[in-house]
Amino acid sequence: MRESFYAAPYYNLALVLPDLMFLTLLTSILYSELKEAIPAAMNGLDGIKDYLKFWNVVDWINVTVGIGCVSVWLVFVLKLTVELEEVLKGLPSEVLDLYVFTNRTYLSYEDSQGLLTLCGRA
C-alpha cells in the first residue's frame, strides 16, 4: 500500500502546537535537572554520587533521547522543505504527469527510473 504525506509538515499552524509542547516539557525537565546537577557537581564527587539516583538518570536519558528526536525531526523538516523542492524542480513533470494520468496509478520505482532515463535525467 502506498502512502503519501504533505511536503510541508507544518501546512497548518496548529500542527506546530504538539511540537512546541514537547519542547516546553523537554526544556522544563532539562532546567530542573540542571538546577539539581550544578550544585551537586560543586560539592565534588560525593555530590555527584548523591545526585545520580535512579530517577535523575531516567530524566537525563529522557532529555538525551528527546534532544536526539528533535534533531532528527529538524533535519527531516529541513530536507523536506528546502532540498526536496530543489530536486523536484529538476524533474520532467510534464512527462511524469502524463504517464501517471494515462496509467491512473502511481509510478513504480522501476517505471520512474525508466522514464527518467528516457528523458536523459537519470
Protein backbone atom coordinates (compact mmCIF):
# COMPACT_ATOMS: atom_id res chain seq x y z
CA MET A 1 0.00 0.00 0.00
CA ARG A 2 1.35 3.39 -0.95
CA GLU A 3 1.03 6.35 1.31
CA SER A 4 1.83 9.96 0.85
CA PHE A 5 2.20 12.95 3.12
CA TYR A 6 2.32 16.71 2.80
CA ALA A 7 5.68 18.08 1.72
CA ALA A 8 5.19 20.88 4.25
CA PRO A 9 4.99 19.29 7.72
CA TYR A 10 3.50 22.47 9.16
CA TYR A 11 0.98 23.24 6.42
CA ASN A 12 -1.45 24.14 9.21
CA LEU A 13 -0.13 26.32 12.02
CA ALA A 14 -1.98 24.21 14.59
CA LEU A 15 0.41 21.34 13.81
CA VAL A 16 3.22 23.26 15.50
CA LEU A 17 1.48 23.08 18.90
CA PRO A 18 2.36 19.45 19.79
CA ASP A 19 5.99 20.08 18.89
CA LEU A 20 6.08 23.25 20.97
CA MET A 21 4.51 21.39 23.89
CA PHE A 22 7.13 18.65 23.57
CA LEU A 23 9.95 21.23 23.50
CA THR A 24 8.47 23.03 26.51
CA LEU A 25 8.28 19.81 28.54
CA LEU A 26 11.78 18.78 27.47
CA THR A 27 13.17 22.19 28.39
CA SER A 28 11.39 22.06 31.74
CA ILE A 29 12.97 18.69 32.58
CA LEU A 30 16.40 19.93 31.46
CA TYR A 31 16.08 23.09 33.56
CA SER A 32 15.02 21.24 36.70
CA GLU A 33 17.80 18.67 36.31
CA LEU A 34 20.42 21.37 35.76
CA LYS A 35 19.14 23.16 38.88
CA GLU A 36 19.92 19.99 40.83
CA ALA A 37 23.05 18.87 38.98
CA ILE A 38 25.08 22.09 39.11
CA PRO A 39 25.02 22.44 42.93
CA ALA A 40 25.68 18.70 43.24
CA ALA A 41 28.71 18.99 40.96
CA MET A 42 30.01 21.89 43.08
CA ASN A 43 30.15 19.50 46.04
CA GLY A 44 32.61 17.30 44.21
CA LEU A 45 32.47 13.58 43.62
CA ASP A 46 30.35 12.93 46.70
CA GLY A 47 27.74 15.42 45.48
CA ILE A 48 27.62 13.77 42.06
CA LYS A 49 27.27 10.32 43.66
CA ASP A 50 24.36 11.58 45.76
CA TYR A 51 22.77 13.21 42.72
CA LEU A 52 22.92 10.16 40.44
CA LYS A 53 19.85 8.42 41.75
CA PHE A 54 17.63 6.25 39.56
CA TRP A 55 15.08 8.92 38.61
CA ASN A 56 17.71 11.54 37.85
CA VAL A 57 19.37 9.10 35.46
CA VAL A 58 15.96 8.41 33.89
CA ASP A 59 15.46 12.16 33.44
CA TRP A 60 18.85 12.55 31.73
CA ILE A 61 18.12 9.64 29.42
CA ASN A 62 14.79 11.30 28.62
CA VAL A 63 16.48 14.63 27.86
CA THR A 64 19.15 12.97 25.71
CA VAL A 65 16.67 10.92 23.68
CA GLY A 66 14.37 13.95 23.39
CA ILE A 67 17.16 16.13 22.01
CA GLY A 68 18.00 13.32 19.56
CA CYS A 69 14.37 13.16 18.39
CA VAL A 70 14.21 16.93 17.96
CA SER A 71 17.47 16.87 15.98
CA VAL A 72 16.27 14.12 13.65
CA TRP A 73 12.95 15.94 13.14
CA LEU A 74 14.73 19.23 12.34
CA VAL A 75 16.96 17.53 9.77
CA PHE A 76 13.90 15.84 8.23
CA VAL A 77 11.95 19.11 8.04
CA LEU A 78 14.89 20.99 6.53
CA LYS A 79 15.49 18.30 3.91
CA LEU A 80 11.79 18.14 3.11
CA THR A 81 11.19 21.86 2.82
CA VAL A 82 14.48 23.00 1.30
CA GLU A 83 16.24 20.17 -0.52
CA LEU A 84 13.17 18.36 -1.84
CA GLU A 85 11.95 21.48 -3.64
CA GLU A 86 15.27 21.76 -5.49
CA VAL A 87 15.17 18.09 -6.51
CA LEU A 88 11.58 18.34 -7.73
CA LYS A 89 12.41 21.37 -9.89
CA GLY A 90 14.79 19.20 -11.92
CA LEU A 91 12.23 16.50 -12.75
CA PRO A 92 10.41 16.45 -16.09
CA SER A 93 6.99 16.93 -14.54
CA GLU A 94 5.05 17.03 -17.83
CA VAL A 95 6.25 13.56 -18.85
CA LEU A 96 5.69 12.10 -15.39
CA ASP A 97 2.24 13.69 -15.07
CA LEU A 98 1.17 12.34 -18.45
CA TYR A 99 2.35 8.84 -17.56
CA VAL A 100 0.52 8.83 -14.22
CA PHE A 101 -2.62 10.32 -15.81
CA THR A 102 -2.79 7.72 -18.59
CA ASN A 103 -1.99 4.79 -16.26
CA ARG A 104 -4.23 6.06 -13.47
CA THR A 105 -1.80 4.72 -10.91
CA TYR A 106 1.39 5.64 -9.09
CA LEU A 107 4.76 5.19 -10.72
CA SER A 108 6.74 2.23 -9.51
CA TYR A 109 10.42 2.79 -8.81
CA GLU A 110 11.35 0.90 -11.98
CA ASP A 111 8.90 2.91 -14.10
CA SER A 112 10.19 6.20 -12.76
CA GLN A 113 13.80 5.21 -13.41
CA GLY A 114 12.89 4.13 -16.95
CA LEU A 115 11.10 7.39 -17.67
CA LEU A 116 13.92 9.45 -16.24
CA THR A 117 16.41 7.53 -18.36
CA LEU A 118 14.32 8.22 -21.47
CA CYS A 119 14.29 11.91 -20.57
CA GLY A 120 18.05 11.87 -20.00
CA ARG A 121 17.77 12.76 -16.31
CA ALA A 122 18.89 9.58 -14.53
